[in-house]
Amino acid sequence: MARDDTVQRLYAELARVAKALSSPSRLQLVQILAQSERSVEALGRELGLSTANVSHHLQALREARLVEARREGLFVHYRLAGPDVFDLLNLLRQVGERRLAEIDRMVKGYYRSRDQMEAVTRDELVRRAREGTAIVLDVRPEEEYRAGHIPGAVSVPLDQLAARLEELPREKEVVAYCRGPYCFMAFEAVQMLRVRGWSARRLEEGFPEWRASGLPVVSGSAPERQKRPGTKGPAPARVRAKRGTT
């Protein structure tokens, strides 16, 4: 095979990956699957798409080896093929924010207008959680929390937050996080908390970015109804600054 033909074929294979991601719905699917494995039906409900439409997008991702599937009874569950798939999405977001003025305008105009306060960085959250000066709040759905979360995080899904506010102490600032920098759940949680008198800020990014940075992650269910942090009872595990430990 001629050298030029080999180079052309190599770039053609790379183009398969780019083509598989050339859809807003597929990028959203990658972001959701970065949280936890999902069935086709669950993904459809999440995105407001038909099962057939979701299956079509997942097949395109699967053909590019970006996702994998397993069957459980009548249901097919999908997961990312590896952490590098999310790394690719994260890099795409960063390049887009730096290079496309449209993205910068949307981020500033739509997101930052909803929260003028500076978000908490990962390093700041590590320090504050270690010192016990902040409550870390995971507002994602419970199945995502079970699949993996920041050590010591309190699980209160956004749709339960209004009914469970009294589980959160008022004497500490609450730092809420969700799926990533474009996820609305943390913005809405912070707004709800502030209106009701809590000091609250959001994490700058989300759980997948936390995990991708090498910081500690734990998995498992939250207590059935968590005690207010600071009350008697088992204390939540604190985030440790050393990477790769819990």
C-alpha atoms as a PDB file:
ATOM      1  CA  MET A   1       0.000   0.000   0.000  1.00  0.00           C
ATOM      2  CA  ALA A   2       1.315   3.431  -0.926  1.00  0.00           C
ATOM      3  CA  ARG A   3       2.244   5.772   1.889  1.00  0.00           C
ATOM      4  CA  ASP A   4      -0.287   8.400   0.794  1.00  0.00           C
ATOM      5  CA  ASP A   5      -3.070   5.809   0.784  1.00  0.00           C
ATOM      6  CA  THR A   6      -2.206   4.770   4.333  1.00  0.00           C
ATOM      7  CA  VAL A   7      -2.278   8.357   5.570  1.00  0.00           C
ATOM      8  CA  GLN A   8      -5.597   8.945   3.826  1.00  0.00           C
ATOM      9  CA  ARG A   9      -7.124   5.864   5.434  1.00  0.00           C
ATOM     10  CA  LEU A  10      -5.847   6.846   8.861  1.00  0.00           C
ATOM     11  CA  TYR A  11      -7.470  10.250   8.601  1.00  0.00           C
ATOM     12  CA  ALA A  12     -10.632   8.637   7.286  1.00  0.00           C
ATOM     13  CA  GLU A  13     -10.820   6.570  10.486  1.00  0.00           C
ATOM     14  CA  LEU A  14     -10.330   9.685  12.600  1.00  0.00           C
ATOM     15  CA  ALA A  15     -13.101  11.319  10.599  1.00  0.00           C
ATOM     16  CA  ARG A  16     -15.408   8.480  11.716  1.00  0.00           C
ATOM     17  CA  VAL A  17     -15.015   9.631  15.281  1.00  0.00           C
ATOM     18  CA  ALA A  18     -15.602  13.271  14.371  1.00  0.00           C
ATOM     19  CA  LYS A  19     -18.666  12.352  12.302  1.00  0.00           C
ATOM     20  CA  ALA A  20     -20.108  10.278  15.150  1.00  0.00           C
ATOM     21  CA  LEU A  21     -19.952  13.340  17.405  1.00  0.00           C
ATOM     22  CA  SER A  22     -21.358  15.748  14.828  1.00  0.00           C
ATOM     23  CA  SER A  23     -24.775  15.967  16.448  1.00  0.00           C
ATOM     24  CA  PRO A  24     -25.974  17.962  19.462  1.00  0.00           C
ATOM     25  CA  SER A  25     -27.996  14.984  20.676  1.00  0.00           C
ATOM     26  CA  ARG A  26     -24.973  12.669  20.526  1.00  0.00           C
ATOM     27  CA  LEU A  27     -22.838  15.120  22.463  1.00  0.00           C
ATOM     28  CA  GLN A  28     -25.558  15.256  25.110  1.00  0.00           C
ATOM     29  CA  LEU A  29     -25.697  11.470  25.180  1.00  0.00           C
ATOM     30  CA  VAL A  30     -21.962  11.334  25.853  1.00  0.00           C
ATOM     31  CA  GLN A  31     -22.375  13.862  28.678  1.00  0.00           C
ATOM     32  CA  ILE A  32     -25.157  11.821  30.295  1.00  0.00           C
ATOM     33  CA  LEU A  33     -23.321   8.512  29.877  1.00  0.00           C
ATOM     34  CA  ALA A  34     -20.294  10.118  31.546  1.00  0.00           C
ATOM     35  CA  GLN A  35     -22.416  10.070  34.723  1.00  0.00           C
ATOM     36  CA  SER A  36     -23.584   6.456  34.608  1.00  0.00           C
ATOM     37  CA  GLU A  37     -24.786   3.637  32.396  1.00  0.00           C
ATOM     38  CA  ARG A  38     -28.282   4.135  30.958  1.00  0.00           C
ATOM     39  CA  SER A  39     -30.912   2.168  29.077  1.00  0.00           C
ATOM     40  CA  VAL A  40     -32.130   3.406  25.704  1.00  0.00           C
ATOM     41  CA  GLU A  41     -35.512   4.188  27.237  1.00  0.00           C
ATOM     42  CA  ALA A  42     -33.999   6.212  30.087  1.00  0.00           C
ATOM     43  CA  LEU A  43     -31.887   8.203  27.647  1.00  0.00           C
ATOM     44  CA  GLY A  44     -34.957   8.931  25.564  1.00  0.00           C
ATOM     45  CA  ARG A  45     -36.814  10.296  28.583  1.00  0.00           C
ATOM     46  CA  GLU A  46     -33.796  12.374  29.545  1.00  0.00           C
ATOM     47  CA  LEU A  47     -33.507  14.041  26.138  1.00  0.00           C
ATOM     48  CA  GLY A  48     -37.184  14.056  25.205  1.00  0.00           C
ATOM     49  CA  LEU A  49     -36.530  11.888  22.152  1.00  0.00           C
ATOM     50  CA  SER A  50     -38.203   8.735  20.872  1.00  0.00           C
ATOM     51  CA  THR A  51     -36.586   5.380  21.538  1.00  0.00           C
ATOM     52  CA  ALA A  52     -36.003   4.942  17.819  1.00  0.00           C
ATOM     53  CA  ASN A  53     -34.257   8.295  17.556  1.00  0.00           C
ATOM     54  CA  VAL A  54     -32.025   7.603  20.551  1.00  0.00           C
ATOM     55  CA  SER A  55     -31.169   4.152  19.197  1.00  0.00           C
ATOM     56  CA  HIS A  56     -30.107   5.726  15.901  1.00  0.00           C
ATOM     57  CA  HIS A  57     -27.739   8.145  17.665  1.00  0.00           C
ATOM     58  CA  LEU A  58     -26.355   5.416  19.909  1.00  0.00           C
ATOM     59  CA  GLN A  59     -25.697   3.195  16.924  1.00  0.00           C
ATOM     60  CA  ALA A  60     -23.640   5.949  15.314  1.00  0.00           C
ATOM     61  CA  LEU A  61     -21.605   6.301  18.517  1.00  0.00           C
ATOM     62  CA  ARG A  62     -21.231   2.551  18.790  1.00  0.00           C
ATOM     63  CA  GLU A  63     -19.972   2.201  15.209  1.00  0.00           C
ATOM     64  CA  ALA A  64     -17.212   4.677  16.077  1.00  0.00           C
ATOM     65  CA  ARG A  65     -16.405   2.585  19.193  1.00  0.00           C
ATOM     66  CA  LEU A  66     -17.330   5.451  21.502  1.00  0.00           C
ATOM     67  CA  VAL A  67     -19.977   3.553  23.463  1.00  0.00           C
ATOM     68  CA  GLU A  68     -20.561  -0.066  24.420  1.00  0.00           C
ATOM     69  CA  ALA A  69     -23.797  -1.910  25.120  1.00  0.00           C
ATOM     70  CA  ARG A  70     -25.058  -4.824  27.164  1.00  0.00           C
ATOM     71  CA  ARG A  71     -28.464  -6.483  27.145  1.00  0.00           C
ATOM     72  CA  GLU A  72     -30.415  -7.166  30.322  1.00  0.00           C
ATOM     73  CA  GLY A  73     -33.682  -8.909  29.572  1.00  0.00           C
ATOM     74  CA  LEU A  74     -35.624  -6.722  27.177  1.00  0.00           C
ATOM     75  CA  PHE A  75     -33.497  -3.665  27.777  1.00  0.00           C
ATOM     76  CA  VAL A  76     -30.208  -2.553  26.259  1.00  0.00           C
ATOM     77  CA  HIS A  77     -27.923  -0.475  28.480  1.00  0.00           C
ATOM     78  CA  TYR A  78     -25.208   1.782  27.122  1.00  0.00           C
ATOM     79  CA  ARG A  79     -22.011   3.121  28.687  1.00  0.00           C
ATOM     80  CA  LEU A  80     -18.993   5.061  27.449  1.00  0.00           C
ATOM     81  CA  ALA A  81     -16.311   2.855  25.948  1.00  0.00           C
ATOM     82  CA  GLY A  82     -13.714   4.495  28.194  1.00  0.00           C
ATOM     83  CA  PRO A  83     -12.814   7.683  30.078  1.00  0.00           C
ATOM     84  CA  ASP A  84     -11.024   9.009  26.998  1.00  0.00           C
ATOM     85  CA  VAL A  85     -14.417   9.473  25.316  1.00  0.00           C
ATOM     86  CA  PHE A  86     -15.402  12.023  27.929  1.00  0.00           C
ATOM     87  CA  ASP A  87     -11.928  13.570  27.685  1.00  0.00           C
ATOM     88  CA  LEU A  88     -12.618  14.129  23.991  1.00  0.00           C
ATOM     89  CA  LEU A  89     -15.940  15.827  24.731  1.00  0.00           C
ATOM     90  CA  ASN A  90     -14.331  17.990  27.405  1.00  0.00           C
ATOM     91  CA  LEU A  91     -11.538  19.040  25.062  1.00  0.00           C
ATOM     92  CA  LEU A  92     -14.080  19.842  22.352  1.00  0.00           C
ATOM     93  CA  ARG A  93     -15.938  22.078  24.799  1.00  0.00           C
ATOM     94  CA  GLN A  94     -12.768  23.890  25.840  1.00  0.00           C
ATOM     95  CA  VAL A  95     -11.650  24.483  22.248  1.00  0.00           C
ATOM     96  CA  GLY A  96     -15.128  25.667  21.301  1.00  0.00           C
ATOM     97  CA  GLU A  97     -15.263  28.132  24.187  1.00  0.00           C
ATOM     98  CA  ARG A  98     -11.846  29.532  23.250  1.00  0.00           C
ATOM     99  CA  ARG A  99     -12.319  29.667  19.480  1.00  0.00           C
ATOM    100  CA  LEU A 100     -16.003  30.327  18.825  1.00  0.00           C
ATOM    101  CA  ALA A 101     -17.302  33.730  19.824  1.00  0.00           C
ATOM    102  CA  GLU A 102     -20.858  32.404  19.643  1.00  0.00           C
ATOM    103  CA  ILE A 103     -20.210  29.939  22.457  1.00  0.00           C
ATOM    104  CA  ASP A 104     -18.529  32.599  24.578  1.00  0.00           C
ATOM    105  CA  ARG A 105     -21.501  34.924  24.094  1.00  0.00           C
ATOM    106  CA  MET A 106     -24.010  32.209  25.008  1.00  0.00           C
ATOM    107  CA  VAL A 107     -22.079  31.179  28.120  1.00  0.00           C
ATOM    108  CA  LYS A 108     -21.764  34.770  29.304  1.00  0.00           C
ATOM    109  CA  GLY A 109     -25.267  35.822  28.296  1.00  0.00           C
ATOM    110  CA  TYR A 110     -27.273  32.796  29.359  1.00  0.00           C
ATOM    111  CA  TYR A 111     -25.371  31.075  32.133  1.00  0.00           C
ATOM    112  CA  ARG A 112     -23.492  33.855  33.867  1.00  0.00           C
ATOM    113  CA  SER A 113     -26.562  36.098  33.871  1.00  0.00           C
ATOM    114  CA  ARG A 114     -28.209  33.450  36.060  1.00  0.00           C
ATOM    115  CA  ASP A 115     -25.419  33.443  38.614  1.00  0.00           C
ATOM    116  CA  GLN A 116     -23.207  36.472  39.009  1.00  0.00           C
ATOM    117  CA  MET A 117     -21.242  34.933  41.858  1.00  0.00           C
ATOM    118  CA  GLU A 118     -17.942  33.275  41.038  1.00  0.00           C
ATOM    119  CA  ALA A 119     -18.197  29.495  40.998  1.00  0.00           C
ATOM    120  CA  VAL A 120     -16.133  27.309  43.344  1.00  0.00           C
ATOM    121  CA  THR A 121     -13.101  25.685  41.716  1.00  0.00           C
ATOM    122  CA  ARG A 122     -12.154  22.049  42.250  1.00  0.00           C
ATOM    123  CA  ASP A 123      -9.090  22.997  44.297  1.00  0.00           C
ATOM    124  CA  GLU A 124     -11.121  25.322  46.500  1.00  0.00           C
ATOM    125  CA  LEU A 125     -13.736  22.619  47.087  1.00  0.00           C
ATOM    126  CA  VAL A 126     -11.053  20.103  48.063  1.00  0.00           C
ATOM    127  CA  ARG A 127      -9.677  22.561  50.616  1.00  0.00           C
ATOM    128  CA  ARG A 128     -13.046  23.609  52.013  1.00  0.00           C
ATOM    129  CA  ALA A 129     -14.402  20.074  52.260  1.00  0.00           C
ATOM    130  CA  ARG A 130     -11.236  18.987  54.062  1.00  0.00           C
ATOM    131  CA  GLU A 131     -11.614  21.895  56.485  1.00  0.00           C
ATOM    132  CA  GLY A 132     -15.309  21.178  56.980  1.00  0.00           C
ATOM    133  CA  THR A 133     -16.360  24.689  55.949  1.00  0.00           C
ATOM    134  CA  ALA A 134     -18.715  23.644  53.148  1.00  0.00           C
ATOM    135  CA  ILE A 135     -21.488  21.156  52.507  1.00  0.00           C
ATOM    136  CA  VAL A 136     -21.100  19.434  49.138  1.00  0.00           C
ATOM    137  CA  LEU A 137     -24.487  18.873  47.489  1.00  0.00           C
ATOM    138  CA  ASP A 138     -25.030  16.449  44.597  1.00  0.00           C
ATOM    139  CA  VAL A 139     -28.284  17.387  42.836  1.00  0.00           C
ATOM    140  CA  ARG A 140     -28.096  14.775  40.069  1.00  0.00           C
ATOM    141  CA  PRO A 141     -30.556  11.843  39.952  1.00  0.00           C
ATOM    142  CA  GLU A 142     -29.901   9.179  42.581  1.00  0.00           C
ATOM    143  CA  GLU A 143     -28.729   6.570  40.057  1.00  0.00           C
ATOM    144  CA  GLU A 144     -25.937   8.915  38.970  1.00  0.00           C
ATOM    145  CA  TYR A 145     -24.944   9.505  42.591  1.00  0.00           C
ATOM    146  CA  ARG A 146     -24.834   5.757  43.210  1.00  0.00           C
ATOM    147  CA  ALA A 147     -22.612   5.233  40.166  1.00  0.00           C
ATOM    148  CA  GLY A 148     -20.065   7.737  41.455  1.00  0.00           C
ATOM    149  CA  HIS A 149     -19.877  10.963  43.434  1.00  0.00           C
ATOM    150  CA  ILE A 150     -17.545  13.330  45.238  1.00  0.00           C
ATOM    151  CA  PRO A 151     -16.609  11.867  48.653  1.00  0.00           C
ATOM    152  CA  GLY A 152     -18.784  13.273  51.419  1.00  0.00           C
ATOM    153  CA  ALA A 153     -21.360  14.713  49.016  1.00  0.00           C
ATOM    154  CA  VAL A 154     -24.965  14.804  50.211  1.00  0.00           C
ATOM    155  CA  SER A 155     -27.392  13.388  47.637  1.00  0.00           C
ATOM    156  CA  VAL A 156     -30.522  15.494  47.190  1.00  0.00           C
ATOM    157  CA  PRO A 157     -31.810  15.328  43.588  1.00  0.00           C
ATOM    158  CA  LEU A 158     -33.054  18.671  42.327  1.00  0.00           C
ATOM    159  CA  ASP A 159     -36.680  17.524  42.161  1.00  0.00           C
ATOM    160  CA  GLN A 160     -36.524  16.659  45.890  1.00  0.00           C
ATOM    161  CA  LEU A 161     -34.617  19.689  47.092  1.00  0.00           C
ATOM    162  CA  ALA A 162     -37.577  21.909  48.023  1.00  0.00           C
ATOM    163  CA  ALA A 163     -38.995  19.177  50.266  1.00  0.00           C
ATOM    164  CA  ARG A 164     -35.646  18.343  51.887  1.00  0.00           C
ATOM    165  CA  LEU A 165     -34.112  21.744  52.530  1.00  0.00           C
ATOM    166  CA  GLU A 166     -34.101  21.282  56.284  1.00  0.00           C
ATOM    167  CA  GLU A 167     -31.578  18.456  55.917  1.00  0.00           C
ATOM    168  CA  LEU A 168     -29.012  21.128  55.068  1.00  0.00           C
ATOM    169  CA  PRO A 169     -27.536  23.259  57.860  1.00  0.00           C
ATOM    170  CA  ARG A 170     -27.623  27.020  57.462  1.00  0.00           C
ATOM    171  CA  GLU A 171     -24.339  27.689  59.238  1.00  0.00           C
ATOM    172  CA  LYS A 172     -22.204  26.380  56.357  1.00  0.00           C
ATOM    173  CA  GLU A 173     -22.093  27.362  52.710  1.00  0.00           C
ATOM    174  CA  VAL A 174     -23.568  24.794  50.339  1.00  0.00           C
ATOM    175  CA  VAL A 175     -21.633  23.988  47.162  1.00  0.00           C
ATOM    176  CA  ALA A 176     -23.876  22.295  44.597  1.00  0.00           C
ATOM    177  CA  TYR A 177     -22.708  20.311  41.609  1.00  0.00           C
ATOM    178  CA  CYS A 178     -24.311  18.322  38.818  1.00  0.00           C
ATOM    179  CA  ARG A 179     -23.287  16.954  35.405  1.00  0.00           C
ATOM    180  CA  GLY A 180     -20.990  19.646  34.083  1.00  0.00           C
ATOM    181  CA  PRO A 181     -20.593  23.355  33.299  1.00  0.00           C
ATOM    182  CA  TYR A 182     -23.633  23.424  30.973  1.00  0.00           C
ATOM    183  CA  CYS A 183     -25.920  21.555  33.378  1.00  0.00           C
ATOM    184  CA  PHE A 184     -28.783  23.637  34.786  1.00  0.00           C
ATOM    185  CA  MET A 185     -29.458  21.596  37.913  1.00  0.00           C
ATOM    186  CA  ALA A 186     -26.720  23.212  40.026  1.00  0.00           C
ATOM    187  CA  PHE A 187     -27.804  26.719  38.903  1.00  0.00           C
ATOM    188  CA  GLU A 188     -31.406  26.016  39.909  1.00  0.00           C
ATOM    189  CA  ALA A 189     -30.400  24.429  43.211  1.00  0.00           C
ATOM    190  CA  VAL A 190     -28.225  27.395  44.154  1.00  0.00           C
ATOM    191  CA  GLN A 191     -30.993  29.843  43.255  1.00  0.00           C
ATOM    192  CA  MET A 192     -33.514  27.906  45.349  1.00  0.00           C
ATOM    193  CA  LEU A 193     -31.187  27.800  48.336  1.00  0.00           C
ATOM    194  CA  ARG A 194     -30.316  31.492  48.204  1.00  0.00           C
ATOM    195  CA  VAL A 195     -33.953  32.567  47.974  1.00  0.00           C
ATOM    196  CA  ARG A 196     -34.658  30.564  51.119  1.00  0.00           C
ATOM    197  CA  GLY A 197     -31.783  32.011  53.089  1.00  0.00           C
ATOM    198  CA  TRP A 198     -28.908  29.587  52.561  1.00  0.00           C
ATOM    199  CA  SER A 199     -25.446  30.668  51.478  1.00  0.00           C
ATOM    200  CA  ALA A 200     -24.867  28.676  48.304  1.00  0.00           C
ATOM    201  CA  ARG A 201     -22.565  28.535  45.314  1.00  0.00           C
ATOM    202  CA  ARG A 202     -22.052  26.056  42.513  1.00  0.00           C
ATOM    203  CA  LEU A 203     -19.026  24.026  41.564  1.00  0.00           C
ATOM    204  CA  GLU A 204     -17.304  25.478  38.512  1.00  0.00           C
ATOM    205  CA  GLU A 205     -17.643  22.259  36.507  1.00  0.00           C
ATOM    206  CA  GLY A 206     -19.293  18.953  37.362  1.00  0.00           C
ATOM    207  CA  PHE A 207     -18.766  15.386  38.473  1.00  0.00           C
ATOM    208  CA  PRO A 208     -17.241  14.029  35.213  1.00  0.00           C
ATOM    209  CA  GLU A 209     -14.634  16.802  35.177  1.00  0.00           C
ATOM    210  CA  TRP A 210     -13.858  16.080  38.840  1.00  0.00           C
ATOM    211  CA  ARG A 211     -13.289  12.398  38.074  1.00  0.00           C
ATOM    212  CA  ALA A 212     -11.320  13.125  34.887  1.00  0.00           C
ATOM    213  CA  SER A 213      -8.915  15.306  36.872  1.00  0.00           C
ATOM    214  CA  GLY A 214      -7.908  12.309  38.996  1.00  0.00           C
ATOM    215  CA  LEU A 215      -9.578  13.456  42.203  1.00  0.00           C
ATOM    216  CA  PRO A 216     -11.115  10.809  44.487  1.00  0.00           C
ATOM    217  CA  VAL A 217     -14.512   9.335  43.693  1.00  0.00           C
ATOM    218  CA  VAL A 218     -16.725   6.975  45.669  1.00  0.00           C
ATOM    219  CA  SER A 219     -19.803   4.996  44.684  1.00  0.00           C
ATOM    220  CA  GLY A 220     -22.778   3.540  46.477  1.00  0.00           C
ATOM    221  CA  SER A 221     -26.161   4.599  47.759  1.00  0.00           C
ATOM    222  CA  ALA A 222     -26.801   7.516  50.037  1.00  0.00           C
ATOM    223  CA  PRO A 223     -28.385   6.876  53.450  1.00  0.00           C
ATOM    224  CA  GLU A 224     -32.153   6.498  53.209  1.00  0.00           C
ATOM    225  CA  ARG A 225     -32.667   9.943  54.690  1.00  0.00           C
ATOM    226  CA  GLN A 226     -29.394  11.592  55.461  1.00  0.00           C
ATOM    227  CA  LYS A 227     -28.919  13.235  58.842  1.00  0.00           C
ATOM    228  CA  ARG A 228     -28.189  16.897  58.737  1.00  0.00           C
ATOM    229  CA  PRO A 229     -24.422  17.221  58.378  1.00  0.00           C
ATOM    230  CA  GLY A 230     -23.033  18.267  61.732  1.00  0.00           C
ATOM    231  CA  THR A 231     -25.599  16.307  63.758  1.00  0.00           C
ATOM    232  CA  LYS A 232     -24.772  13.163  65.679  1.00  0.00           C
ATOM    233  CA  GLY A 233     -24.337  10.092  63.550  1.00  0.00           C
ATOM    234  CA  PRO A 234     -21.821   8.796  61.038  1.00  0.00           C
ATOM    235  CA  ALA A 235     -19.934  11.702  59.528  1.00  0.00           C
ATOM    236  CA  PRO A 236     -19.692  11.778  55.731  1.00  0.00           C
ATOM    237  CA  ALA A 237     -16.307  10.954  54.265  1.00  0.00           C
ATOM    238  CA  ARG A 238     -14.330  14.082  53.527  1.00  0.00           C
ATOM    239  CA  VAL A 239     -12.612  14.844  50.273  1.00  0.00           C
ATOM    240  CA  ARG A 240      -8.898  14.274  50.488  1.00  0.00           C
ATOM    241  CA  ALA A 241      -6.538  16.341  48.434  1.00  0.00           C
ATOM    242  CA  LYS A 242      -4.376  13.333  47.546  1.00  0.00           C
ATOM    243  CA  ARG A 243      -5.476  12.058  44.187  1.00  0.00           C
ATOM    244  CA  GLY A 244      -6.696   8.530  43.679  1.00  0.00           C
ATOM    245  CA  THR A 245      -7.738   7.931  47.286  1.00  0.00           C
ATOM    246  CA  THR A 246     -11.049   7.957  49.056  1.00  0.00           C
END
